[in-house]
Amino acid sequence: MKKTSSLLLAALVAGSMFTTTVSADAKQGQKYYLKKLKACKKDGLKSGALFAVKHTRAEWEKVKTDGTLITEWQAICPSGAKKFDKMKEKDVKNLYDFVHKYASDGDIPSCG
């Protein structure tokens, strides 16, 4: 009985850690932008904030539901087109959360 309850508890803890890492995060999206999309500076985007304010939150949601998120990002930052093509699904979710949170009608990022 003790082994079964220990195994169940371990599975519960492992499952909760997995769901935490799968969820999207605006902070991680900001880090991704700062680390991987430095090429966007060539397109006049000196910071991630300038990238995010290209649309309102509603416009970002529409782009996402239309399935043209990567295409839109490539249009805003053509210099980073190769990076957008190589993005993992979690990075897409995180970057979307970042642009949605800091859209033109959203919050103001503290940096980058």
C-alpha atoms as a PDB file:
ATOM      1  CA  MET A   1       0.000   0.000   0.000  1.00  0.00           C
ATOM      2  CA  LYS A   2       2.833   2.349   0.877  1.00  0.00           C
ATOM      3  CA  LYS A   3       4.541   1.719  -2.485  1.00  0.00           C
ATOM      4  CA  THR A   4       1.325   2.406  -4.385  1.00  0.00           C
ATOM      5  CA  SER A   5       0.671   5.700  -2.635  1.00  0.00           C
ATOM      6  CA  SER A   6       4.301   6.774  -3.099  1.00  0.00           C
ATOM      7  CA  LEU A   7       4.151   5.926  -6.789  1.00  0.00           C
ATOM      8  CA  LEU A   8       0.854   7.808  -7.167  1.00  0.00           C
ATOM      9  CA  LEU A   9       2.279  10.856  -5.394  1.00  0.00           C
ATOM     10  CA  ALA A  10       5.392  10.802  -7.606  1.00  0.00           C
ATOM     11  CA  ALA A  11       3.242  10.592 -10.739  1.00  0.00           C
ATOM     12  CA  LEU A  12       1.122  13.500  -9.526  1.00  0.00           C
ATOM     13  CA  VAL A  13       4.179  15.668  -8.881  1.00  0.00           C
ATOM     14  CA  ALA A  14       5.699  14.756 -12.253  1.00  0.00           C
ATOM     15  CA  GLY A  15       2.416  15.515 -14.022  1.00  0.00           C
ATOM     16  CA  SER A  16       2.094  18.912 -12.400  1.00  0.00           C
ATOM     17  CA  MET A  17       5.634  19.852 -13.439  1.00  0.00           C
ATOM     18  CA  PHE A  18       4.896  18.818 -17.022  1.00  0.00           C
ATOM     19  CA  THR A  19       1.813  21.015 -17.283  1.00  0.00           C
ATOM     20  CA  THR A  20       3.774  23.970 -15.919  1.00  0.00           C
ATOM     21  CA  THR A  21       6.423  23.741 -18.632  1.00  0.00           C
ATOM     22  CA  VAL A  22       3.872  23.329 -21.426  1.00  0.00           C
ATOM     23  CA  SER A  23       1.990  26.535 -20.669  1.00  0.00           C
ATOM     24  CA  ALA A  24       2.918  29.663 -22.614  1.00  0.00           C
ATOM     25  CA  ASP A  25       4.561  32.636 -20.955  1.00  0.00           C
ATOM     26  CA  ALA A  26       4.946  36.246 -22.107  1.00  0.00           C
ATOM     27  CA  LYS A  27       8.205  36.581 -20.164  1.00  0.00           C
ATOM     28  CA  GLN A  28       9.659  33.593 -22.041  1.00  0.00           C
ATOM     29  CA  GLY A  29       8.438  35.126 -25.308  1.00  0.00           C
ATOM     30  CA  GLN A  30      10.256  38.335 -24.459  1.00  0.00           C
ATOM     31  CA  LYS A  31      13.438  36.373 -23.713  1.00  0.00           C
ATOM     32  CA  TYR A  32      13.073  34.538 -27.022  1.00  0.00           C
ATOM     33  CA  TYR A  33      12.707  37.823 -28.890  1.00  0.00           C
ATOM     34  CA  LEU A  34      15.752  39.354 -27.185  1.00  0.00           C
ATOM     35  CA  LYS A  35      17.903  36.266 -27.721  1.00  0.00           C
ATOM     36  CA  LYS A  36      16.871  34.964 -31.143  1.00  0.00           C
ATOM     37  CA  LEU A  37      15.428  37.915 -33.054  1.00  0.00           C
ATOM     38  CA  LYS A  38      18.243  40.438 -32.911  1.00  0.00           C
ATOM     39  CA  ALA A  39      18.043  40.582 -36.702  1.00  0.00           C
ATOM     40  CA  CYS A  40      14.800  42.574 -36.383  1.00  0.00           C
ATOM     41  CA  LYS A  41      16.880  45.624 -35.506  1.00  0.00           C
ATOM     42  CA  LYS A  42      17.774  45.770 -39.212  1.00  0.00           C
ATOM     43  CA  ASP A  43      14.062  46.320 -39.898  1.00  0.00           C
ATOM     44  CA  GLY A  44      13.843  49.300 -37.551  1.00  0.00           C
ATOM     45  CA  LEU A  45      12.569  47.362 -34.546  1.00  0.00           C
ATOM     46  CA  LYS A  46      14.927  48.481 -31.792  1.00  0.00           C
ATOM     47  CA  SER A  47      13.051  46.484 -29.149  1.00  0.00           C
ATOM     48  CA  GLY A  48      10.484  43.755 -28.675  1.00  0.00           C
ATOM     49  CA  ALA A  49       8.002  46.408 -27.596  1.00  0.00           C
ATOM     50  CA  LEU A  50       8.095  47.956 -31.073  1.00  0.00           C
ATOM     51  CA  PHE A  51       7.504  44.487 -32.518  1.00  0.00           C
ATOM     52  CA  ALA A  52       4.496  43.858 -30.269  1.00  0.00           C
ATOM     53  CA  VAL A  53       2.774  47.228 -30.806  1.00  0.00           C
ATOM     54  CA  LYS A  54       2.337  46.621 -34.517  1.00  0.00           C
ATOM     55  CA  HIS A  55      -1.185  45.362 -33.705  1.00  0.00           C
ATOM     56  CA  THR A  56      -3.820  45.589 -31.002  1.00  0.00           C
ATOM     57  CA  ARG A  57      -4.696  42.564 -28.882  1.00  0.00           C
ATOM     58  CA  ALA A  58      -7.774  41.871 -30.998  1.00  0.00           C
ATOM     59  CA  GLU A  59      -5.717  42.042 -34.189  1.00  0.00           C
ATOM     60  CA  TRP A  60      -3.119  39.620 -32.762  1.00  0.00           C
ATOM     61  CA  GLU A  61      -5.927  37.230 -31.778  1.00  0.00           C
ATOM     62  CA  LYS A  62      -7.386  37.401 -35.298  1.00  0.00           C
ATOM     63  CA  VAL A  63      -3.990  36.722 -36.884  1.00  0.00           C
ATOM     64  CA  LYS A  64      -3.579  33.715 -34.600  1.00  0.00           C
ATOM     65  CA  THR A  65      -7.045  32.302 -35.309  1.00  0.00           C
ATOM     66  CA  ASP A  66      -6.503  32.810 -39.043  1.00  0.00           C
ATOM     67  CA  GLY A  67      -3.351  30.679 -38.757  1.00  0.00           C
ATOM     68  CA  THR A  68      -1.111  33.380 -40.260  1.00  0.00           C
ATOM     69  CA  LEU A  69       0.890  34.262 -37.155  1.00  0.00           C
ATOM     70  CA  ILE A  70       4.317  33.270 -38.495  1.00  0.00           C
ATOM     71  CA  THR A  71       3.585  34.949 -41.831  1.00  0.00           C
ATOM     72  CA  GLU A  72       2.622  38.173 -40.055  1.00  0.00           C
ATOM     73  CA  TRP A  73       5.756  38.082 -37.914  1.00  0.00           C
ATOM     74  CA  GLN A  74       7.836  37.585 -41.048  1.00  0.00           C
ATOM     75  CA  ALA A  75       6.139  40.585 -42.676  1.00  0.00           C
ATOM     76  CA  ILE A  76       6.937  42.759 -39.643  1.00  0.00           C
ATOM     77  CA  CYS A  77      10.505  41.479 -39.373  1.00  0.00           C
ATOM     78  CA  PRO A  78      11.726  40.122 -42.728  1.00  0.00           C
ATOM     79  CA  SER A  79      15.295  39.861 -41.436  1.00  0.00           C
ATOM     80  CA  GLY A  80      14.204  37.240 -38.905  1.00  0.00           C
ATOM     81  CA  ALA A  81      12.247  35.104 -41.377  1.00  0.00           C
ATOM     82  CA  LYS A  82      14.591  32.106 -41.028  1.00  0.00           C
ATOM     83  CA  LYS A  83      14.293  32.197 -37.230  1.00  0.00           C
ATOM     84  CA  PHE A  84      10.495  32.225 -37.435  1.00  0.00           C
ATOM     85  CA  ASP A  85      10.547  29.164 -39.711  1.00  0.00           C
ATOM     86  CA  LYS A  86      12.677  27.246 -37.194  1.00  0.00           C
ATOM     87  CA  MET A  87      10.571  28.099 -34.120  1.00  0.00           C
ATOM     88  CA  LYS A  88       9.364  25.311 -31.884  1.00  0.00           C
ATOM     89  CA  GLU A  89       5.674  25.244 -30.983  1.00  0.00           C
ATOM     90  CA  LYS A  90       6.367  26.352 -27.395  1.00  0.00           C
ATOM     91  CA  ASP A  91       8.359  29.335 -28.700  1.00  0.00           C
ATOM     92  CA  VAL A  92       5.476  30.325 -30.981  1.00  0.00           C
ATOM     93  CA  LYS A  93       3.076  30.186 -28.024  1.00  0.00           C
ATOM     94  CA  ASN A  94       5.432  32.188 -25.803  1.00  0.00           C
ATOM     95  CA  LEU A  95       6.114  34.837 -28.447  1.00  0.00           C
ATOM     96  CA  TYR A  96       2.391  35.099 -29.151  1.00  0.00           C
ATOM     97  CA  ASP A  97       1.722  35.631 -25.444  1.00  0.00           C
ATOM     98  CA  PHE A  98       4.393  38.332 -25.470  1.00  0.00           C
ATOM     99  CA  VAL A  99       2.965  40.238 -28.451  1.00  0.00           C
ATOM    100  CA  HIS A 100      -0.574  39.837 -27.130  1.00  0.00           C
ATOM    101  CA  LYS A 101       0.316  41.106 -23.658  1.00  0.00           C
ATOM    102  CA  TYR A 102       2.343  44.068 -24.956  1.00  0.00           C
ATOM    103  CA  ALA A 103       0.182  44.944 -27.977  1.00  0.00           C
ATOM    104  CA  SER A 104      -0.535  48.587 -28.776  1.00  0.00           C
ATOM    105  CA  ASP A 105      -3.539  48.521 -26.432  1.00  0.00           C
ATOM    106  CA  GLY A 106      -1.852  46.290 -23.843  1.00  0.00           C
ATOM    107  CA  ASP A 107       0.735  46.580 -21.097  1.00  0.00           C
ATOM    108  CA  ILE A 108       4.037  48.427 -21.409  1.00  0.00           C
ATOM    109  CA  PRO A 109       7.088  46.135 -21.090  1.00  0.00           C
ATOM    110  CA  SER A 110       9.749  47.107 -18.574  1.00  0.00           C
ATOM    111  CA  CYS A 111      12.577  46.472 -21.050  1.00  0.00           C
ATOM    112  CA  GLY A 112      13.408  45.123 -24.512  1.00  0.00           C
END
